[in-house]
Amino acid sequence: MEGRHPEITIHLVWEDGNAFAIVPPAWSAMWRGGVRKEEIEAFTSQVTSGDFGHLLGTVQEWMEVVTR
């Protein structure tokens, strides 16, 4: 699925159930990628509106996720 900002790539080491290991790096990647504040706020609203599975899906929807 193509995200809203496929040009932004986030490299994650998955921490099982740890949103704090995923969301802050996503915010940083968005800021570095030049995403407007309003879009980051919309991302934050969406990413925090459900469970951990929803969080992962939202991050993958908004940007390219690479795990290693």
PDB file of N, CA and C in Angstrom:
ATOM      1  N   MET A   1       0.840  -1.171   0.000  1.00  0.00           N
ATOM      2  CA  MET A   1       0.000   0.000   0.000  1.00  0.00           C
ATOM      3  C   MET A   1       0.890   1.240   0.000  1.00  0.00           C
ATOM      4  N   GLU A   2       0.562   2.187  -0.845  1.00  0.00           N
ATOM      5  CA  GLU A   2       1.331   3.420  -0.912  1.00  0.00           C
ATOM      6  C   GLU A   2       0.846   4.362   0.181  1.00  0.00           C
ATOM      7  N   GLY A   3       1.780   4.944   0.934  1.00  0.00           N
ATOM      8  CA  GLY A   3       1.436   5.823   2.038  1.00  0.00           C
ATOM      9  C   GLY A   3       1.211   7.246   1.596  1.00  0.00           C
ATOM     10  N   ARG A   4       0.889   8.063   2.539  1.00  0.00           N
ATOM     11  CA  ARG A   4       0.665   9.473   2.261  1.00  0.00           C
ATOM     12  C   ARG A   4       1.969  10.184   1.958  1.00  0.00           C
ATOM     13  N   HIS A   5       3.058   9.668   2.515  1.00  0.00           N
ATOM     14  CA  HIS A   5       4.384  10.230   2.257  1.00  0.00           C
ATOM     15  C   HIS A   5       5.354   9.091   1.978  1.00  0.00           C
ATOM     16  N   PRO A   6       5.198   8.450   0.821  1.00  0.00           N
ATOM     17  CA  PRO A   6       6.062   7.304   0.514  1.00  0.00           C
ATOM     18  C   PRO A   6       7.526   7.696   0.381  1.00  0.00           C
ATOM     19  N   GLU A   7       7.798   8.982   0.231  1.00  0.00           N
ATOM     20  CA  GLU A   7       9.185   9.446   0.133  1.00  0.00           C
ATOM     21  C   GLU A   7       9.882   9.442   1.493  1.00  0.00           C
ATOM     22  N   ILE A   8       9.119   9.307   2.563  1.00  0.00           N
ATOM     23  CA  ILE A   8       9.682   9.273   3.909  1.00  0.00           C
ATOM     24  C   ILE A   8       9.849   7.817   4.324  1.00  0.00           C
ATOM     25  N   THR A   9      11.061   7.491   4.738  1.00  0.00           N
ATOM     26  CA  THR A   9      11.358   6.133   5.189  1.00  0.00           C
ATOM     27  C   THR A   9      11.734   6.177   6.656  1.00  0.00           C
ATOM     28  N   ILE A  10      11.176   5.274   7.412  1.00  0.00           N
ATOM     29  CA  ILE A  10      11.504   5.165   8.833  1.00  0.00           C
ATOM     30  C   ILE A  10      12.095   3.775   9.062  1.00  0.00           C
ATOM     31  N   HIS A  11      13.225   3.737   9.744  1.00  0.00           N
ATOM     32  CA  HIS A  11      13.901   2.481  10.076  1.00  0.00           C
ATOM     33  C   HIS A  11      13.569   2.156  11.524  1.00  0.00           C
ATOM     34  N   LEU A  12      12.944   1.018  11.721  1.00  0.00           N
ATOM     35  CA  LEU A  12      12.513   0.649  13.061  1.00  0.00           C
ATOM     36  C   LEU A  12      13.075  -0.701  13.473  1.00  0.00           C
ATOM     37  N   VAL A  13      13.402  -0.793  14.738  1.00  0.00           N
ATOM     38  CA  VAL A  13      13.655  -2.067  15.383  1.00  0.00           C
ATOM     39  C   VAL A  13      12.401  -2.298  16.210  1.00  0.00           C
ATOM     40  N   TRP A  14      11.593  -3.275  15.821  1.00  0.00           N
ATOM     41  CA  TRP A  14      10.302  -3.465  16.457  1.00  0.00           C
ATOM     42  C   TRP A  14      10.447  -3.844  17.919  1.00  0.00           C
ATOM     43  N   GLU A  15       9.807  -3.063  18.728  1.00  0.00           N
ATOM     44  CA  GLU A  15       9.700  -3.333  20.156  1.00  0.00           C
ATOM     45  C   GLU A  15       8.274  -3.811  20.376  1.00  0.00           C
ATOM     46  N   ASP A  16       8.110  -5.046  20.709  1.00  0.00           N
ATOM     47  CA  ASP A  16       6.787  -5.635  20.825  1.00  0.00           C
ATOM     48  C   ASP A  16       5.907  -4.838  21.784  1.00  0.00           C
ATOM     49  N   GLY A  17       4.895  -4.196  21.242  1.00  0.00           N
ATOM     50  CA  GLY A  17       3.938  -3.470  22.050  1.00  0.00           C
ATOM     51  C   GLY A  17       4.406  -2.135  22.576  1.00  0.00           C
ATOM     52  N   ASN A  18       5.530  -1.623  22.090  1.00  0.00           N
ATOM     53  CA  ASN A  18       6.074  -0.379  22.616  1.00  0.00           C
ATOM     54  C   ASN A  18       5.870   0.766  21.626  1.00  0.00           C
ATOM     55  N   ALA A  19       4.769   1.478  21.804  1.00  0.00           N
ATOM     56  CA  ALA A  19       4.472   2.604  20.928  1.00  0.00           C
ATOM     57  C   ALA A  19       5.522   3.703  21.033  1.00  0.00           C
ATOM     58  N   PHE A  20       6.160   3.831  22.196  1.00  0.00           N
ATOM     59  CA  PHE A  20       7.157   4.877  22.391  1.00  0.00           C
ATOM     60  C   PHE A  20       8.429   4.622  21.587  1.00  0.00           C
ATOM     61  N   ALA A  21       8.608   3.410  21.088  1.00  0.00           N
ATOM     62  CA  ALA A  21       9.750   3.104  20.232  1.00  0.00           C
ATOM     63  C   ALA A  21       9.413   3.333  18.761  1.00  0.00           C
ATOM     64  N   ILE A  22       8.156   3.645  18.462  1.00  0.00           N
ATOM     65  CA  ILE A  22       7.726   3.785  17.073  1.00  0.00           C
ATOM     66  C   ILE A  22       7.269   5.197  16.735  1.00  0.00           C
ATOM     67  N   VAL A  23       6.414   5.784  17.557  1.00  0.00           N
ATOM     68  CA  VAL A  23       5.825   7.077  17.208  1.00  0.00           C
ATOM     69  C   VAL A  23       6.855   8.219  17.198  1.00  0.00           C
ATOM     70  N   PRO A  24       7.697   8.395  18.209  1.00  0.00           N
ATOM     71  CA  PRO A  24       8.662   9.497  18.137  1.00  0.00           C
ATOM     72  C   PRO A  24       9.592   9.437  16.921  1.00  0.00           C
ATOM     73  N   PRO A  25      10.119   8.266  16.542  1.00  0.00           N
ATOM     74  CA  PRO A  25      10.914   8.247  15.311  1.00  0.00           C
ATOM     75  C   PRO A  25      10.087   8.604  14.067  1.00  0.00           C
ATOM     76  N   ALA A  26       8.811   8.249  14.074  1.00  0.00           N
ATOM     77  CA  ALA A  26       7.943   8.618  12.948  1.00  0.00           C
ATOM     78  C   ALA A  26       7.779  10.134  12.882  1.00  0.00           C
ATOM     79  N   TRP A  27       7.558  10.759  14.039  1.00  0.00           N
ATOM     80  CA  TRP A  27       7.457  12.226  14.059  1.00  0.00           C
ATOM     81  C   TRP A  27       8.741  12.863  13.532  1.00  0.00           C
ATOM     82  N   SER A  28       9.869  12.373  14.001  1.00  0.00           N
ATOM     83  CA  SER A  28      11.161  12.930  13.569  1.00  0.00           C
ATOM     84  C   SER A  28      11.344  12.794  12.061  1.00  0.00           C
ATOM     85  N   ALA A  29      11.008  11.638  11.528  1.00  0.00           N
ATOM     86  CA  ALA A  29      11.136  11.422  10.092  1.00  0.00           C
ATOM     87  C   ALA A  29      10.231  12.378   9.316  1.00  0.00           C
ATOM     88  N   MET A  30       9.037  12.620   9.844  1.00  0.00           N
ATOM     89  CA  MET A  30       8.110  13.534   9.176  1.00  0.00           C
ATOM     90  C   MET A  30       8.636  14.960   9.209  1.00  0.00           C
ATOM     91  N   TRP A  31       9.149  15.398  10.360  1.00  0.00           N
ATOM     92  CA  TRP A  31       9.721  16.742  10.455  1.00  0.00           C
ATOM     93  C   TRP A  31      10.878  16.897   9.476  1.00  0.00           C
ATOM     94  N   ARG A  32      11.797  15.903   9.477  1.00  0.00           N
ATOM     95  CA  ARG A  32      12.952  15.963   8.566  1.00  0.00           C
ATOM     96  C   ARG A  32      12.515  15.936   7.113  1.00  0.00           C
ATOM     97  N   GLY A  33      11.408  15.274   6.839  1.00  0.00           N
ATOM     98  CA  GLY A  33      10.893  15.183   5.480  1.00  0.00           C
ATOM     99  C   GLY A  33      10.100  16.391   5.030  1.00  0.00           C
ATOM    100  N   GLY A  34       9.943  17.374   5.906  1.00  0.00           N
ATOM    101  CA  GLY A  34       9.260  18.605   5.531  1.00  0.00           C
ATOM    102  C   GLY A  34       7.743  18.528   5.571  1.00  0.00           C
ATOM    103  N   VAL A  35       7.207  17.578   6.297  1.00  0.00           N
ATOM    104  CA  VAL A  35       5.752  17.448   6.414  1.00  0.00           C
ATOM    105  C   VAL A  35       5.226  18.603   7.272  1.00  0.00           C
ATOM    106  N   ARG A  36       4.146  19.197   6.823  1.00  0.00           N
ATOM    107  CA  ARG A  36       3.557  20.332   7.541  1.00  0.00           C
ATOM    108  C   ARG A  36       3.055  19.917   8.920  1.00  0.00           C
ATOM    109  N   LYS A  37       3.089  20.881   9.829  1.00  0.00           N
ATOM    110  CA  LYS A  37       2.648  20.650  11.214  1.00  0.00           C
ATOM    111  C   LYS A  37       1.227  20.101  11.265  1.00  0.00           C
ATOM    112  N   GLU A  38       0.340  20.616  10.431  1.00  0.00           N
ATOM    113  CA  GLU A  38      -1.052  20.173  10.430  1.00  0.00           C
ATOM    114  C   GLU A  38      -1.172  18.694  10.044  1.00  0.00           C
ATOM    115  N   GLU A  39      -0.338  18.259   9.117  1.00  0.00           N
ATOM    116  CA  GLU A  39      -0.365  16.852   8.728  1.00  0.00           C
ATOM    117  C   GLU A  39       0.179  15.962   9.839  1.00  0.00           C
ATOM    118  N   ILE A  40       1.213  16.440  10.527  1.00  0.00           N
ATOM    119  CA  ILE A  40       1.761  15.671  11.647  1.00  0.00           C
ATOM    120  C   ILE A  40       0.724  15.569  12.758  1.00  0.00           C
ATOM    121  N   GLU A  41      -0.022  16.627  12.979  1.00  0.00           N
ATOM    122  CA  GLU A  41      -1.095  16.580  13.978  1.00  0.00           C
ATOM    123  C   GLU A  41      -2.184  15.590  13.562  1.00  0.00           C
ATOM    124  N   ALA A  42      -2.517  15.543  12.268  1.00  0.00           N
ATOM    125  CA  ALA A  42      -3.505  14.578  11.780  1.00  0.00           C
ATOM    126  C   ALA A  42      -2.974  13.152  11.949  1.00  0.00           C
ATOM    127  N   PHE A  43      -1.694  12.950  11.651  1.00  0.00           N
ATOM    128  CA  PHE A  43      -1.059  11.647  11.857  1.00  0.00           C
ATOM    129  C   PHE A  43      -1.142  11.252  13.327  1.00  0.00           C
ATOM    130  N   THR A  44      -0.817  12.179  14.215  1.00  0.00           N
ATOM    131  CA  THR A  44      -0.826  11.903  15.650  1.00  0.00           C
ATOM    132  C   THR A  44      -2.222  11.516  16.113  1.00  0.00           C
ATOM    133  N   SER A  45      -3.213  12.224  15.642  1.00  0.00           N
ATOM    134  CA  SER A  45      -4.596  11.912  16.003  1.00  0.00           C
ATOM    135  C   SER A  45      -4.973  10.509  15.538  1.00  0.00           C
ATOM    136  N   GLN A  46      -4.590  10.176  14.316  1.00  0.00           N
ATOM    137  CA  GLN A  46      -4.935   8.865  13.774  1.00  0.00           C
ATOM    138  C   GLN A  46      -4.147   7.753  14.460  1.00  0.00           C
ATOM    139  N   VAL A  47      -2.856   7.958  14.669  1.00  0.00           N
ATOM    140  CA  VAL A  47      -2.002   6.898  15.210  1.00  0.00           C
ATOM    141  C   VAL A  47      -2.347   6.576  16.669  1.00  0.00           C
ATOM    142  N   THR A  48      -2.915   7.536  17.382  1.00  0.00           N
ATOM    143  CA  THR A  48      -3.237   7.333  18.796  1.00  0.00           C
ATOM    144  C   THR A  48      -4.712   6.989  19.028  1.00  0.00           C
ATOM    145  N   SER A  49      -5.435   6.712  17.958  1.00  0.00           N
ATOM    146  CA  SER A  49      -6.880   6.494  18.102  1.00  0.00           C
ATOM    147  C   SER A  49      -7.274   5.023  18.173  1.00  0.00           C
ATOM    148  N   GLY A  50      -6.327   4.150  18.410  1.00  0.00           N
ATOM    149  CA  GLY A  50      -6.672   2.734  18.467  1.00  0.00           C
ATOM    150  C   GLY A  50      -5.639   1.942  19.242  1.00  0.00           C
ATOM    151  N   ASP A  51      -5.646   0.646  19.014  1.00  0.00           N
ATOM    152  CA  ASP A  51      -4.715  -0.239  19.708  1.00  0.00           C
ATOM    153  C   ASP A  51      -3.367  -0.270  18.989  1.00  0.00           C
ATOM    154  N   PHE A  52      -2.475  -1.147  19.471  1.00  0.00           N
ATOM    155  CA  PHE A  52      -1.126  -1.214  18.911  1.00  0.00           C
ATOM    156  C   PHE A  52      -1.137  -1.635  17.441  1.00  0.00           C
ATOM    157  N   GLY A  53      -2.024  -2.542  17.077  1.00  0.00           N
ATOM    158  CA  GLY A  53      -2.135  -2.952  15.681  1.00  0.00           C
ATOM    159  C   GLY A  53      -2.540  -1.794  14.786  1.00  0.00           C
ATOM    160  N   HIS A  54      -3.458  -0.979  15.284  1.00  0.00           N
ATOM    161  CA  HIS A  54      -3.870   0.218  14.540  1.00  0.00           C
ATOM    162  C   HIS A  54      -2.695   1.179  14.391  1.00  0.00           C
ATOM    163  N   LEU A  55      -1.925   1.341  15.458  1.00  0.00           N
ATOM    164  CA  LEU A  55      -0.746   2.210  15.420  1.00  0.00           C
ATOM    165  C   LEU A  55       0.212   1.753  14.320  1.00  0.00           C
ATOM    166  N   LEU A  56       0.518   0.462  14.281  1.00  0.00           N
ATOM    167  CA  LEU A  56       1.434  -0.059  13.260  1.00  0.00           C
ATOM    168  C   LEU A  56       0.889   0.159  11.857  1.00  0.00           C
ATOM    169  N   GLY A  57      -0.387  -0.129  11.669  1.00  0.00           N
ATOM    170  CA  GLY A  57      -1.004   0.062  10.361  1.00  0.00           C
ATOM    171  C   GLY A  57      -0.980   1.508   9.915  1.00  0.00           C
ATOM    172  N   THR A  58      -1.216   2.406  10.853  1.00  0.00           N
ATOM    173  CA  THR A  58      -1.213   3.832  10.533  1.00  0.00           C
ATOM    174  C   THR A  58       0.170   4.295  10.105  1.00  0.00           C
ATOM    175  N   VAL A  59       1.192   3.888  10.848  1.00  0.00           N
ATOM    176  CA  VAL A  59       2.559   4.268  10.486  1.00  0.00           C
ATOM    177  C   VAL A  59       2.881   3.744   9.086  1.00  0.00           C
ATOM    178  N   GLN A  60       2.523   2.512   8.803  1.00  0.00           N
ATOM    179  CA  GLN A  60       2.794   1.931   7.492  1.00  0.00           C
ATOM    180  C   GLN A  60       1.981   2.608   6.392  1.00  0.00           C
ATOM    181  N   GLU A  61       0.818   3.119   6.737  1.00  0.00           N
ATOM    182  CA  GLU A  61      -0.007   3.841   5.768  1.00  0.00           C
ATOM    183  C   GLU A  61       0.618   5.189   5.406  1.00  0.00           C
ATOM    184  N   TRP A  62       1.229   5.829   6.377  1.00  0.00           N
ATOM    185  CA  TRP A  62       1.732   7.181   6.183  1.00  0.00           C
ATOM    186  C   TRP A  62       3.139   7.252   5.610  1.00  0.00           C
ATOM    187  N   MET A  63       3.953   6.194   5.783  1.00  0.00           N
ATOM    188  CA  MET A  63       5.344   6.260   5.323  1.00  0.00           C
ATOM    189  C   MET A  63       5.869   4.861   5.042  1.00  0.00           C
ATOM    190  N   GLU A  64       7.010   4.799   4.412  1.00  0.00           N
ATOM    191  CA  GLU A  64       7.692   3.532   4.145  1.00  0.00           C
ATOM    192  C   GLU A  64       8.373   3.081   5.438  1.00  0.00           C
ATOM    193  N   VAL A  65       8.122   1.851   5.858  1.00  0.00           N
ATOM    194  CA  VAL A  65       8.710   1.321   7.078  1.00  0.00           C
ATOM    195  C   VAL A  65       9.696   0.214   6.724  1.00  0.00           C
ATOM    196  N   VAL A  66      10.924   0.372   7.221  1.00  0.00           N
ATOM    197  CA  VAL A  66      11.962  -0.623   7.003  1.00  0.00           C
ATOM    198  C   VAL A  66      12.346  -1.165   8.360  1.00  0.00           C
ATOM    199  N   THR A  67      12.356  -2.487   8.497  1.00  0.00           N
ATOM    200  CA  THR A  67      12.772  -3.105   9.751  1.00  0.00           C
ATOM    201  C   THR A  67      14.020  -3.935   9.498  1.00  0.00           C
ATOM    202  N   ARG A  68      14.903  -3.909  10.455  1.00  0.00           N
ATOM    203  CA  ARG A  68      16.145  -4.696  10.368  1.00  0.00           C
ATOM    204  C   ARG A  68      16.586  -5.026  11.743  1.00  0.00           C
TER     205      ARG A  68
END
